[in-house]
PDB file of N, CA and C in Angstrom:
ATOM      1  N   MET A   1      32.065  56.735  80.766  1.00  0.00           N
ATOM      2  CA  MET A   1      32.606  55.821  81.593  1.00  0.00           C
ATOM      3  C   MET A   1      32.224  54.412  81.576  1.00  0.00           C
ATOM      4  N   ARG A   2      32.894  53.592  81.979  1.00  0.00           N
ATOM      5  CA  ARG A   2      32.594  52.158  81.897  1.00  0.00           C
ATOM      6  C   ARG A   2      31.558  51.880  83.188  1.00  0.00           C
ATOM      7  N   PRO A   3      29.931  51.267  83.372  1.00  0.00           N
ATOM      8  CA  PRO A   3      29.561  51.440  84.109  1.00  0.00           C
ATOM      9  C   PRO A   3      29.901  50.256  84.992  1.00  0.00           C
ATOM     10  N   THR A   4      30.429  49.245  84.796  1.00  0.00           N
ATOM     11  CA  THR A   4      31.299  47.995  85.361  1.00  0.00           C
ATOM     12  C   THR A   4      32.333  48.372  85.747  1.00  0.00           C
ATOM     13  N   ALA A   5      33.114  49.310  85.561  1.00  0.00           N
ATOM     14  CA  ALA A   5      34.274  49.769  86.315  1.00  0.00           C
ATOM     15  C   ALA A   5      34.281  49.715  87.814  1.00  0.00           C
ATOM     16  N   ALA A   6      35.460  49.079  88.289  1.00  0.00           N
ATOM     17  CA  ALA A   6      35.027  48.770  89.961  1.00  0.00           C
ATOM     18  C   ALA A   6      35.583  50.441  90.511  1.00  0.00           C
ATOM     19  N   GLY A   7      36.474  51.271  89.851  1.00  0.00           N
ATOM     20  CA  GLY A   7      36.989  52.586  90.226  1.00  0.00           C
ATOM     21  C   GLY A   7      37.379  53.148  89.134  1.00  0.00           C
ATOM     22  N   THR A   8      37.684  54.385  89.503  1.00  0.00           N
ATOM     23  CA  THR A   8      38.184  55.567  88.519  1.00  0.00           C
ATOM     24  C   THR A   8      39.570  56.022  88.847  1.00  0.00           C
ATOM     25  N   ILE A   9      40.462  56.604  88.130  1.00  0.00           N
ATOM     26  CA  ILE A   9      41.529  57.134  88.639  1.00  0.00           C
ATOM     27  C   ILE A   9      41.605  58.370  87.943  1.00  0.00           C
ATOM     28  N   LEU A  10      41.385  59.302  88.621  1.00  0.00           N
ATOM     29  CA  LEU A  10      41.541  60.921  88.320  1.00  0.00           C
ATOM     30  C   LEU A  10      42.900  61.575  88.006  1.00  0.00           C
ATOM     31  N   ASP A  11      43.099  62.047  86.824  1.00  0.00           N
ATOM     32  CA  ASP A  11      44.438  62.587  86.641  1.00  0.00           C
ATOM     33  C   ASP A  11      44.580  63.840  86.894  1.00  0.00           C
ATOM     34  N   ALA A  12      45.507  64.970  86.770  1.00  0.00           N
ATOM     35  CA  ALA A  12      45.628  66.242  87.162  1.00  0.00           C
ATOM     36  C   ALA A  12      44.589  67.078  86.418  1.00  0.00           C
ATOM     37  N   SER A  13      44.630  66.506  84.997  1.00  0.00           N
ATOM     38  CA  SER A  13      43.690  67.662  84.051  1.00  0.00           C
ATOM     39  C   SER A  13      42.457  67.234  84.631  1.00  0.00           C
ATOM     40  N   VAL A  14      41.796  66.329  85.219  1.00  0.00           N
ATOM     41  CA  VAL A  14      40.461  66.317  85.513  1.00  0.00           C
ATOM     42  C   VAL A  14      40.538  66.834  86.853  1.00  0.00           C
ATOM     43  N   LEU A  15      41.223  66.853  87.541  1.00  0.00           N
ATOM     44  CA  LEU A  15      41.245  67.386  88.891  1.00  0.00           C
ATOM     45  C   LEU A  15      41.291  68.999  88.875  1.00  0.00           C
ATOM     46  N   VAL A  16      41.705  69.545  87.854  1.00  0.00           N
ATOM     47  CA  VAL A  16      41.285  71.079  87.419  1.00  0.00           C
ATOM     48  C   VAL A  16      39.971  71.426  86.790  1.00  0.00           C
ATOM     49  N   ALA A  17      39.846  70.337  86.023  1.00  0.00           N
ATOM     50  CA  ALA A  17      38.625  70.394  85.345  1.00  0.00           C
ATOM     51  C   ALA A  17      37.513  70.300  85.905  1.00  0.00           C
ATOM     52  N   LEU A  18      37.660  69.896  87.298  1.00  0.00           N
ATOM     53  CA  LEU A  18      36.408  68.928  88.182  1.00  0.00           C
ATOM     54  C   LEU A  18      35.286  70.470  88.338  1.00  0.00           C
ATOM     55  N   ARG A  19      35.872  71.374  88.645  1.00  0.00           N
ATOM     56  CA  ARG A  19      34.747  72.445  88.985  1.00  0.00           C
ATOM     57  C   ARG A  19      33.742  72.936  87.860  1.00  0.00           C
ATOM     58  N   ARG A  20      34.308  72.993  86.655  1.00  0.00           N
ATOM     59  CA  ARG A  20      33.645  73.002  85.354  1.00  0.00           C
ATOM     60  C   ARG A  20      33.169  72.206  84.629  1.00  0.00           C
ATOM     61  N   SER A  21      33.384  70.933  84.468  1.00  0.00           N
ATOM     62  CA  SER A  21      32.824  69.903  83.980  1.00  0.00           C
ATOM     63  C   SER A  21      31.747  69.198  84.559  1.00  0.00           C
ATOM     64  N   ILE A  22      30.457  69.430  84.216  1.00  0.00           N
ATOM     65  CA  ILE A  22      29.312  68.261  84.540  1.00  0.00           C
ATOM     66  C   ILE A  22      29.501  66.775  84.690  1.00  0.00           C
ATOM     67  N   PHE A  23      30.606  66.672  83.391  1.00  0.00           N
ATOM     68  CA  PHE A  23      30.478  65.204  83.383  1.00  0.00           C
ATOM     69  C   PHE A  23      31.671  64.720  84.537  1.00  0.00           C
ATOM     70  N   ALA A  24      32.373  65.056  84.669  1.00  0.00           N
ATOM     71  CA  ALA A  24      33.283  64.797  85.424  1.00  0.00           C
ATOM     72  C   ALA A  24      32.675  64.997  87.227  1.00  0.00           C
ATOM     73  N   GLN A  25      31.672  65.909  87.437  1.00  0.00           N
ATOM     74  CA  GLN A  25      31.296  65.971  88.595  1.00  0.00           C
ATOM     75  C   GLN A  25      30.061  64.795  88.810  1.00  0.00           C
ATOM     76  N   THR A  26      29.257  64.214  87.827  1.00  0.00           N
ATOM     77  CA  THR A  26      28.377  63.408  87.601  1.00  0.00           C
ATOM     78  C   THR A  26      29.344  61.942  87.984  1.00  0.00           C
ATOM     79  N   VAL A  27      30.696  61.869  87.231  1.00  0.00           N
ATOM     80  CA  VAL A  27      31.338  60.384  87.760  1.00  0.00           C
ATOM     81  C   VAL A  27      31.491  60.651  88.975  1.00  0.00           C
ATOM     82  N   VAL A  28      31.929  61.479  89.621  1.00  0.00           N
ATOM     83  CA  VAL A  28      32.692  61.246  90.973  1.00  0.00           C
ATOM     84  C   VAL A  28      31.005  61.484  91.650  1.00  0.00           C
ATOM     85  N   GLN A  29      29.934  62.108  91.506  1.00  0.00           N
ATOM     86  CA  GLN A  29      28.816  61.494  92.417  1.00  0.00           C
ATOM     87  C   GLN A  29      28.263  60.298  92.263  1.00  0.00           C
ATOM     88  N   PHE A  30      28.442  59.548  91.051  1.00  0.00           N
ATOM     89  CA  PHE A  30      28.026  58.390  91.094  1.00  0.00           C
ATOM     90  C   PHE A  30      28.839  57.448  91.720  1.00  0.00           C
ATOM     91  N   SER A  31      30.497  57.856  91.536  1.00  0.00           N
ATOM     92  CA  SER A  31      31.273  56.936  92.481  1.00  0.00           C
ATOM     93  C   SER A  31      30.922  56.660  93.616  1.00  0.00           C
ATOM     94  N   VAL A  32      30.475  57.730  94.368  1.00  0.00           N
ATOM     95  CA  VAL A  32      30.595  57.990  95.567  1.00  0.00           C
ATOM     96  C   VAL A  32      29.101  57.186  95.993  1.00  0.00           C
ATOM     97  N   ARG A  33      27.847  57.689  95.192  1.00  0.00           N
ATOM     98  CA  ARG A  33      26.765  56.888  95.367  1.00  0.00           C
ATOM     99  C   ARG A  33      27.042  55.644  95.709  1.00  0.00           C
ATOM    100  N   GLU A  34      28.166  54.805  94.357  1.00  0.00           N
ATOM    101  CA  GLU A  34      27.955  53.408  94.395  1.00  0.00           C
ATOM    102  C   GLU A  34      28.837  52.907  95.059  1.00  0.00           C
ATOM    103  N   HIS A  35      29.942  53.906  95.870  1.00  0.00           N
ATOM    104  CA  HIS A  35      30.807  53.208  96.668  1.00  0.00           C
ATOM    105  C   HIS A  35      32.043  52.444  95.847  1.00  0.00           C
ATOM    106  N   ARG A  36      32.185  52.987  94.747  1.00  0.00           N
ATOM    107  CA  ARG A  36      33.239  53.080  93.858  1.00  0.00           C
ATOM    108  C   ARG A  36      34.447  53.808  94.065  1.00  0.00           C
ATOM    109  N   PRO A  37      35.566  53.070  94.259  1.00  0.00           N
ATOM    110  CA  PRO A  37      36.794  54.182  94.893  1.00  0.00           C
ATOM    111  C   PRO A  37      37.491  55.273  93.526  1.00  0.00           C
ATOM    112  N   LEU A  38      37.655  56.450  93.840  1.00  0.00           N
ATOM    113  CA  LEU A  38      38.034  57.565  93.061  1.00  0.00           C
ATOM    114  C   LEU A  38      39.585  57.542  93.616  1.00  0.00           C
ATOM    115  N   VAL A  39      40.364  57.366  92.654  1.00  0.00           N
ATOM    116  CA  VAL A  39      41.818  57.262  93.018  1.00  0.00           C
ATOM    117  C   VAL A  39      42.399  58.544  92.484  1.00  0.00           C
ATOM    118  N   ILE A  40      43.268  58.989  93.172  1.00  0.00           N
ATOM    119  CA  ILE A  40      44.021  60.379  92.862  1.00  0.00           C
ATOM    120  C   ILE A  40      45.529  59.789  93.352  1.00  0.00           C
ATOM    121  N   PRO A  41      46.367  60.049  92.310  1.00  0.00           N
ATOM    122  CA  PRO A  41      48.065  59.651  92.554  1.00  0.00           C
ATOM    123  C   PRO A  41      48.173  61.040  92.928  1.00  0.00           C
ATOM    124  N   ALA A  42      49.158  60.934  94.217  1.00  0.00           N
ATOM    125  CA  ALA A  42      49.393  62.211  94.613  1.00  0.00           C
ATOM    126  C   ALA A  42      50.315  63.373  93.790  1.00  0.00           C
ATOM    127  N   THR A  43      50.949  62.298  92.569  1.00  0.00           N
ATOM    128  CA  THR A  43      51.855  63.617  91.875  1.00  0.00           C
ATOM    129  C   THR A  43      50.670  64.328  91.201  1.00  0.00           C
ATOM    130  N   SER A  44      49.572  63.631  90.716  1.00  0.00           N
ATOM    131  CA  SER A  44      48.540  64.417  89.996  1.00  0.00           C
ATOM    132  C   SER A  44      47.636  65.676  91.042  1.00  0.00           C
ATOM    133  N   LEU A  45      47.556  64.905  92.356  1.00  0.00           N
ATOM    134  CA  LEU A  45      47.277  66.297  92.998  1.00  0.00           C
ATOM    135  C   LEU A  45      48.207  67.444  93.010  1.00  0.00           C
ATOM    136  N   TYR A  46      49.302  66.969  92.790  1.00  0.00           N
ATOM    137  CA  TYR A  46      50.507  67.959  93.225  1.00  0.00           C
ATOM    138  C   TYR A  46      50.383  68.922  91.746  1.00  0.00           C
ATOM    139  N   VAL A  47      50.399  68.508  90.640  1.00  0.00           N
ATOM    140  CA  VAL A  47      50.519  69.223  89.459  1.00  0.00           C
ATOM    141  C   VAL A  47      49.194  70.092  89.696  1.00  0.00           C
ATOM    142  N   ALA A  48      48.082  69.359  89.792  1.00  0.00           N
ATOM    143  CA  ALA A  48      46.567  70.191  89.841  1.00  0.00           C
ATOM    144  C   ALA A  48      46.996  71.282  90.587  1.00  0.00           C
ATOM    145  N   VAL A  49      47.365  70.916  92.301  1.00  0.00           N
ATOM    146  CA  VAL A  49      47.357  72.235  92.998  1.00  0.00           C
ATOM    147  C   VAL A  49      48.113  73.402  92.356  1.00  0.00           C
ATOM    148  N   LEU A  50      49.222  73.020  91.648  1.00  0.00           N
ATOM    149  CA  LEU A  50      50.140  74.008  90.868  1.00  0.00           C
ATOM    150  C   LEU A  50      49.474  74.816  89.935  1.00  0.00           C
ATOM    151  N   ALA A  51      48.243  74.117  89.212  1.00  0.00           N
ATOM    152  CA  ALA A  51      47.322  74.613  88.143  1.00  0.00           C
ATOM    153  C   ALA A  51      46.368  75.428  88.964  1.00  0.00           C
ATOM    154  N   GLY A  52      46.122  75.385  90.049  1.00  0.00           N
ATOM    155  CA  GLY A  52      45.298  76.006  90.541  1.00  0.00           C
ATOM    156  C   GLY A  52      44.106  75.190  91.459  1.00  0.00           C
ATOM    157  N   ALA A  53      44.190  74.098  91.507  1.00  0.00           N
ATOM    158  CA  ALA A  53      43.067  73.474  92.212  1.00  0.00           C
ATOM    159  C   ALA A  53      43.186  73.562  93.853  1.00  0.00           C
ATOM    160  N   ASP A  54      42.557  73.641  94.675  1.00  0.00           N
ATOM    161  CA  ASP A  54      42.061  73.355  96.060  1.00  0.00           C
ATOM    162  C   ASP A  54      42.538  71.945  96.617  1.00  0.00           C
ATOM    163  N   PRO A  55      43.633  71.600  97.172  1.00  0.00           N
ATOM    164  CA  PRO A  55      43.641  70.244  97.725  1.00  0.00           C
ATOM    165  C   PRO A  55      42.461  70.344  98.783  1.00  0.00           C
ATOM    166  N   ALA A  56      42.016  71.223  99.293  1.00  0.00           N
ATOM    167  CA  ALA A  56      40.877  70.768 100.275  1.00  0.00           C
ATOM    168  C   ALA A  56      39.999  69.970 100.028  1.00  0.00           C
ATOM    169  N   ASP A  57      39.340  70.409  98.080  1.00  0.00           N
ATOM    170  CA  ASP A  57      38.333  69.679  97.458  1.00  0.00           C
ATOM    171  C   ASP A  57      38.782  68.098  97.508  1.00  0.00           C
ATOM    172  N   PHE A  58      39.638  67.831  97.694  1.00  0.00           N
ATOM    173  CA  PHE A  58      39.866  66.238  97.632  1.00  0.00           C
ATOM    174  C   PHE A  58      39.949  65.552  98.904  1.00  0.00           C
ATOM    175  N   ASP A  59      39.892  66.181  99.970  1.00  0.00           N
ATOM    176  CA  ASP A  59      40.046  65.534 101.062  1.00  0.00           C
ATOM    177  C   ASP A  59      38.542  64.784 101.454  1.00  0.00           C
ATOM    178  N   ALA A  60      37.360  65.293 100.807  1.00  0.00           N
ATOM    179  CA  ALA A  60      36.183  64.576 101.087  1.00  0.00           C
ATOM    180  C   ALA A  60      36.058  62.856 101.006  1.00  0.00           C
ATOM    181  N   HIS A  61      35.155  62.414 101.512  1.00  0.00           N
ATOM    182  CA  HIS A  61      34.805  60.857 101.526  1.00  0.00           C
ATOM    183  C   HIS A  61      34.631  60.730  99.826  1.00  0.00           C
ATOM    184  N   GLY A  62      35.557  59.450  99.768  1.00  0.00           N
ATOM    185  CA  GLY A  62      35.303  58.663  98.555  1.00  0.00           C
ATOM    186  C   GLY A  62      36.629  58.894  97.576  1.00  0.00           C
ATOM    187  N   TYR A  63      37.394  60.119  97.956  1.00  0.00           N
ATOM    188  CA  TYR A  63      38.679  59.920  97.501  1.00  0.00           C
ATOM    189  C   TYR A  63      39.789  59.146  97.706  1.00  0.00           C
ATOM    190  N   THR A  64      40.616  58.849  97.042  1.00  0.00           N
ATOM    191  CA  THR A  64      41.858  58.149  97.830  1.00  0.00           C
ATOM    192  C   THR A  64      42.892  58.826  97.055  1.00  0.00           C
ATOM    193  N   VAL A  65      43.965  58.967  97.557  1.00  0.00           N
ATOM    194  CA  VAL A  65      45.212  59.712  97.342  1.00  0.00           C
ATOM    195  C   VAL A  65      46.401  58.466  97.792  1.00  0.00           C
ATOM    196  N   ILE A  66      46.791  58.347  96.558  1.00  0.00           N
ATOM    197  CA  ILE A  66      47.822  57.105  96.620  1.00  0.00           C
ATOM    198  C   ILE A  66      48.884  58.153  96.472  1.00  0.00           C
ATOM    199  N   PRO A  67      49.937  57.602  97.412  1.00  0.00           N
ATOM    200  CA  PRO A  67      51.219  58.187  97.689  1.00  0.00           C
ATOM    201  C   PRO A  67      52.081  57.910  96.752  1.00  0.00           C
ATOM    202  N   PHE A  68      53.081  58.658  96.489  1.00  0.00           N
ATOM    203  CA  PHE A  68      54.491  58.443  95.501  1.00  0.00           C
ATOM    204  C   PHE A  68      55.492  57.600  96.220  1.00  0.00           C
ATOM    205  N   SER A  69      55.457  56.355  96.410  1.00  0.00           N
ATOM    206  CA  SER A  69      56.121  56.182  97.614  1.00  0.00           C
ATOM    207  C   SER A  69      57.606  55.343  97.025  1.00  0.00           C
ATOM    208  N   GLN A  70      58.759  54.902  97.957  1.00  0.00           N
ATOM    209  CA  GLN A  70      59.363  53.949  97.347  1.00  0.00           C
ATOM    210  C   GLN A  70      58.908  52.790  96.528  1.00  0.00           C
ATOM    211  N   ALA A  71      58.035  52.140  97.329  1.00  0.00           N
ATOM    212  CA  ALA A  71      57.626  50.976  96.890  1.00  0.00           C
ATOM    213  C   ALA A  71      57.121  51.030  95.493  1.00  0.00           C
ATOM    214  N   ILE A  72      56.559  52.148  95.194  1.00  0.00           N
ATOM    215  CA  ILE A  72      56.078  51.955  93.511  1.00  0.00           C
ATOM    216  C   ILE A  72      57.195  52.615  92.534  1.00  0.00           C
ATOM    217  N   VAL A  73      58.134  53.483  92.921  1.00  0.00           N
ATOM    218  CA  VAL A  73      59.110  54.151  92.210  1.00  0.00           C
ATOM    219  C   VAL A  73      59.677  53.183  90.779  1.00  0.00           C
ATOM    220  N   PRO A  74      59.970  51.737  91.166  1.00  0.00           N
ATOM    221  CA  PRO A  74      60.449  50.957  90.213  1.00  0.00           C
ATOM    222  C   PRO A  74      59.347  50.781  89.474  1.00  0.00           C
ATOM    223  N   GLY A  75      57.992  50.360  89.690  1.00  0.00           N
ATOM    224  CA  GLY A  75      57.102  50.168  88.525  1.00  0.00           C
ATOM    225  C   GLY A  75      56.647  51.305  87.765  1.00  0.00           C
ATOM    226  N   VAL A  76      56.730  52.525  88.581  1.00  0.00           N
ATOM    227  CA  VAL A  76      56.681  53.980  87.539  1.00  0.00           C
ATOM    228  C   VAL A  76      57.315  54.344  86.694  1.00  0.00           C
ATOM    229  N   ALA A  77      58.746  54.024  87.143  1.00  0.00           N
ATOM    230  CA  ALA A  77      60.181  54.296  86.639  1.00  0.00           C
ATOM    231  C   ALA A  77      59.815  53.323  85.097  1.00  0.00           C
ATOM    232  N   LEU A  78      59.189  52.144  84.921  1.00  0.00           N
ATOM    233  CA  LEU A  78      59.308  51.231  84.312  1.00  0.00           C
ATOM    234  C   LEU A  78      58.188  51.656  83.302  1.00  0.00           C
ATOM    235  N   VAL A  79      57.192  52.397  83.362  1.00  0.00           N
ATOM    236  CA  VAL A  79      56.449  53.126  82.774  1.00  0.00           C
ATOM    237  C   VAL A  79      56.817  54.278  82.032  1.00  0.00           C
ATOM    238  N   ALA A  80      57.567  55.119  82.458  1.00  0.00           N
ATOM    239  CA  ALA A  80      58.258  56.234  81.809  1.00  0.00           C
ATOM    240  C   ALA A  80      59.512  55.550  80.882  1.00  0.00           C
ATOM    241  N   GLN A  81      60.155  54.561  81.291  1.00  0.00           N
ATOM    242  CA  GLN A  81      60.989  54.169  80.409  1.00  0.00           C
ATOM    243  C   GLN A  81      60.472  53.235  79.072  1.00  0.00           C
ATOM    244  N   GLY A  82      59.364  52.955  79.271  1.00  0.00           N
ATOM    245  CA  GLY A  82      58.633  52.132  78.376  1.00  0.00           C
ATOM    246  C   GLY A  82      57.953  52.724  77.224  1.00  0.00           C
ATOM    247  N   ALA A  83      57.712  54.617  77.440  1.00  0.00           N
ATOM    248  CA  ALA A  83      57.210  55.449  76.888  1.00  0.00           C
ATOM    249  C   ALA A  83      57.925  55.578  75.459  1.00  0.00           C
ATOM    250  N   THR A  84      57.469  55.702  74.378  1.00  0.00           N
ATOM    251  CA  THR A  84      57.753  55.759  73.000  1.00  0.00           C
ATOM    252  C   THR A  84      58.831  57.297  72.753  1.00  0.00           C
ATOM    253  N   ALA A  85      58.496  58.395  73.962  1.00  0.00           N
ATOM    254  CA  ALA A  85      58.969  59.367  74.165  1.00  0.00           C
ATOM    255  C   ALA A  85      58.708  60.057  75.819  1.00  0.00           C
ATOM    256  N   PRO A  86      59.306  61.063  76.043  1.00  0.00           N
ATOM    257  CA  PRO A  86      59.361  61.254  77.518  1.00  0.00           C
ATOM    258  C   PRO A  86      57.927  61.675  77.758  1.00  0.00           C
ATOM    259  N   ILE A  87      57.578  61.131  78.959  1.00  0.00           N
ATOM    260  CA  ILE A  87      56.277  61.626  79.536  1.00  0.00           C
ATOM    261  C   ILE A  87      56.419  62.363  81.136  1.00  0.00           C
ATOM    262  N   ALA A  88      55.568  62.908  81.655  1.00  0.00           N
ATOM    263  CA  ALA A  88      55.542  63.566  82.718  1.00  0.00           C
ATOM    264  C   ALA A  88      55.515  62.525  83.743  1.00  0.00           C
ATOM    265  N   PRO A  89      56.123  62.793  84.761  1.00  0.00           N
ATOM    266  CA  PRO A  89      56.205  61.934  85.816  1.00  0.00           C
ATOM    267  C   PRO A  89      54.854  61.517  86.646  1.00  0.00           C
ATOM    268  N   ASP A  90      53.774  62.820  86.491  1.00  0.00           N
ATOM    269  CA  ASP A  90      52.455  62.714  87.044  1.00  0.00           C
ATOM    270  C   ASP A  90      51.720  61.470  86.120  1.00  0.00           C
ATOM    271  N   VAL A  91      52.097  61.570  85.022  1.00  0.00           N
ATOM    272  CA  VAL A  91      51.524  60.654  83.948  1.00  0.00           C
ATOM    273  C   VAL A  91      51.759  59.179  84.061  1.00  0.00           C
ATOM    274  N   ALA A  92      53.365  59.136  84.334  1.00  0.00           N
ATOM    275  CA  ALA A  92      54.148  57.677  84.767  1.00  0.00           C
ATOM    276  C   ALA A  92      53.151  57.174  85.794  1.00  0.00           C
ATOM    277  N   HIS A  93      52.863  57.924  86.684  1.00  0.00           N
ATOM    278  CA  HIS A  93      52.167  57.608  87.974  1.00  0.00           C
ATOM    279  C   HIS A  93      50.733  56.947  87.745  1.00  0.00           C
ATOM    280  N   VAL A  94      50.218  58.057  87.069  1.00  0.00           N
ATOM    281  CA  VAL A  94      48.481  57.293  86.566  1.00  0.00           C
ATOM    282  C   VAL A  94      48.627  56.346  85.722  1.00  0.00           C
ATOM    283  N   VAL A  95      49.424  55.781  85.152  1.00  0.00           N
ATOM    284  CA  VAL A  95      49.748  54.914  84.351  1.00  0.00           C
ATOM    285  C   VAL A  95      50.071  53.619  85.089  1.00  0.00           C
ATOM    286  N   TRP A  96      50.759  53.686  86.066  1.00  0.00           N
ATOM    287  CA  TRP A  96      51.107  52.318  87.063  1.00  0.00           C
ATOM    288  C   TRP A  96      49.724  52.312  87.752  1.00  0.00           C
ATOM    289  N   GLU A  97      49.443  53.254  88.461  1.00  0.00           N
ATOM    290  CA  GLU A  97      47.728  53.104  88.967  1.00  0.00           C
ATOM    291  C   GLU A  97      46.955  52.180  88.336  1.00  0.00           C
ATOM    292  N   ALA A  98      46.842  52.309  87.070  1.00  0.00           N
ATOM    293  CA  ALA A  98      45.526  51.924  86.033  1.00  0.00           C
ATOM    294  C   ALA A  98      46.270  50.867  85.641  1.00  0.00           C
ATOM    295  N   GLN A  99      47.657  50.276  86.042  1.00  0.00           N
ATOM    296  CA  GLN A  99      47.904  49.095  85.701  1.00  0.00           C
ATOM    297  C   GLN A  99      47.727  47.999  86.305  1.00  0.00           C
ATOM    298  N   VAL A 100      47.983  48.564  87.759  1.00  0.00           N
ATOM    299  CA  VAL A 100      47.876  47.981  89.021  1.00  0.00           C
ATOM    300  C   VAL A 100      46.347  47.570  89.326  1.00  0.00           C
ATOM    301  N   THR A 101      45.624  48.737  89.482  1.00  0.00           N
ATOM    302  CA  THR A 101      44.309  48.484  89.528  1.00  0.00           C
ATOM    303  C   THR A 101      43.116  47.826  88.334  1.00  0.00           C
ATOM    304  N   GLY A 102      43.490  48.149  87.122  1.00  0.00           N
ATOM    305  CA  GLY A 102      42.517  48.025  86.379  1.00  0.00           C
ATOM    306  C   GLY A 102      41.977  49.175  85.824  1.00  0.00           C
ATOM    307  N   TYR A 103      41.656  49.894  86.978  1.00  0.00           N
ATOM    308  CA  TYR A 103      40.349  51.092  86.719  1.00  0.00           C
ATOM    309  C   TYR A 103      40.868  51.805  85.386  1.00  0.00           C
ATOM    310  N   PRO A 104      39.997  52.540  84.861  1.00  0.00           N
ATOM    311  CA  PRO A 104      40.058  53.509  83.981  1.00  0.00           C
ATOM    312  C   PRO A 104      40.373  54.709  84.240  1.00  0.00           C
ATOM    313  N   VAL A 105      41.049  55.466  83.687  1.00  0.00           N
ATOM    314  CA  VAL A 105      41.606  56.908  83.816  1.00  0.00           C
ATOM    315  C   VAL A 105      41.011  57.833  83.182  1.00  0.00           C
ATOM    316  N   LEU A 106      40.289  58.904  83.989  1.00  0.00           N
ATOM    317  CA  LEU A 106      39.618  60.084  83.294  1.00  0.00           C
ATOM    318  C   LEU A 106      40.369  61.031  83.031  1.00  0.00           C
ATOM    319  N   THR A 107      40.775  61.720  82.095  1.00  0.00           N
ATOM    320  CA  THR A 107      41.654  62.882  81.585  1.00  0.00           C
ATOM    321  C   THR A 107      40.864  63.922  80.521  1.00  0.00           C
ATOM    322  N   ASP A 108      41.417  65.158  80.987  1.00  0.00           N
ATOM    323  CA  ASP A 108      40.980  66.073  80.044  1.00  0.00           C
ATOM    324  C   ASP A 108      42.114  66.371  78.937  1.00  0.00           C
ATOM    325  N   THR A 109      43.126  65.710  79.322  1.00  0.00           N
ATOM    326  CA  THR A 109      44.188  65.877  78.000  1.00  0.00           C
ATOM    327  C   THR A 109      44.829  64.690  77.686  1.00  0.00           C
ATOM    328  N   PRO A 110      44.069  63.896  76.923  1.00  0.00           N
ATOM    329  CA  PRO A 110      44.443  62.734  76.345  1.00  0.00           C
ATOM    330  C   PRO A 110      45.763  62.466  75.554  1.00  0.00           C
ATOM    331  N   ALA A 111      46.326  63.761  75.098  1.00  0.00           N
ATOM    332  CA  ALA A 111      47.538  64.004  74.265  1.00  0.00           C
ATOM    333  C   ALA A 111      48.832  63.679  75.304  1.00  0.00           C
ATOM    334  N   ALA A 112      48.723  63.593  76.710  1.00  0.00           N
ATOM    335  CA  ALA A 112      49.784  63.240  77.409  1.00  0.00           C
ATOM    336  C   ALA A 112      50.001  62.014  77.548  1.00  0.00           C
ATOM    337  N   TYR A 113      48.870  61.458  77.275  1.00  0.00           N
ATOM    338  CA  TYR A 113      48.892  59.891  76.943  1.00  0.00           C
ATOM    339  C   TYR A 113      49.683  59.158  75.822  1.00  0.00           C
ATOM    340  N   GLU A 114      49.907  59.701  74.874  1.00  0.00           N
ATOM    341  CA  GLU A 114      49.947  59.159  73.285  1.00  0.00           C
ATOM    342  C   GLU A 114      51.097  58.630  73.253  1.00  0.00           C
ATOM    343  N   HIS A 115      52.371  59.105  74.157  1.00  0.00           N
ATOM    344  CA  HIS A 115      53.330  57.916  74.327  1.00  0.00           C
ATOM    345  C   HIS A 115      53.924  56.931  75.057  1.00  0.00           C
ATOM    346  N   VAL A 116      52.480  56.955  75.529  1.00  0.00           N
ATOM    347  CA  VAL A 116      52.858  55.608  76.816  1.00  0.00           C
ATOM    348  C   VAL A 116      52.353  54.254  75.907  1.00  0.00           C
ATOM    349  N   ASN A 117      53.533  53.288  76.533  1.00  0.00           N
ATOM    350  CA  ASN A 117      53.276  52.280  75.554  1.00  0.00           C
ATOM    351  C   ASN A 117      52.963  51.336  76.743  1.00  0.00           C
ATOM    352  N   ALA A 118      51.805  51.186  77.318  1.00  0.00           N
ATOM    353  CA  ALA A 118      51.015  50.452  78.075  1.00  0.00           C
ATOM    354  C   ALA A 118      49.410  50.133  77.829  1.00  0.00           C
ATOM    355  N   PRO A 119      49.179  49.091  78.283  1.00  0.00           N
ATOM    356  CA  PRO A 119      47.547  49.184  77.867  1.00  0.00           C
ATOM    357  C   PRO A 119      46.720  49.776  78.726  1.00  0.00           C
ATOM    358  N   ILE A 120      45.939  50.614  78.909  1.00  0.00           N
ATOM    359  CA  ILE A 120      45.211  51.322  79.857  1.00  0.00           C
ATOM    360  C   ILE A 120      44.090  51.738  79.021  1.00  0.00           C
ATOM    361  N   ASP A 121      42.903  51.916  79.990  1.00  0.00           N
ATOM    362  CA  ASP A 121      41.775  52.448  79.655  1.00  0.00           C
ATOM    363  C   ASP A 121      41.236  53.666  79.657  1.00  0.00           C
ATOM    364  N   LEU A 122      41.639  54.596  78.564  1.00  0.00           N
ATOM    365  CA  LEU A 122      41.555  56.137  78.921  1.00  0.00           C
ATOM    366  C   LEU A 122      40.117  56.596  78.589  1.00  0.00           C
ATOM    367  N   GLU A 123      39.381  57.414  79.533  1.00  0.00           N
ATOM    368  CA  GLU A 123      38.395  57.939  79.226  1.00  0.00           C
ATOM    369  C   GLU A 123      38.694  59.650  79.136  1.00  0.00           C
ATOM    370  N   VAL A 124      38.001  60.180  78.284  1.00  0.00           N
ATOM    371  CA  VAL A 124      38.117  61.642  77.750  1.00  0.00           C
ATOM    372  C   VAL A 124      36.913  62.470  78.085  1.00  0.00           C
ATOM    373  N   LEU A 125      37.188  63.621  79.008  1.00  0.00           N
ATOM    374  CA  LEU A 125      35.941  64.684  79.435  1.00  0.00           C
ATOM    375  C   LEU A 125      35.309  64.781  77.764  1.00  0.00           C
TER     376      LEU A 125
END
């Protein structure tokens, strides 16, 4: 991860991998210690919970869950419509947040972003 990044966006794959990935745990601990935002799009949390993650693990200090609201739907839809092939709604939400904040995205599944046609900083576990 870029040490100069103001914050980090965690996608669904990282939320699922967090318990087993020392690197992901280190990013979280560093971010909390340095007061850097850890952004979780609500759609990513939903997908992670369906895959077995415990939502209570992300209620702690340091995490900011960004709702999927009417206000951002047009932007998220533009990301999805601009992709070179269909992408999952949670991926489109992650990309939108990355564009708006400028934060890098931490992922365990970089292939999910291969059809995204938007410049984002993707960091892989």
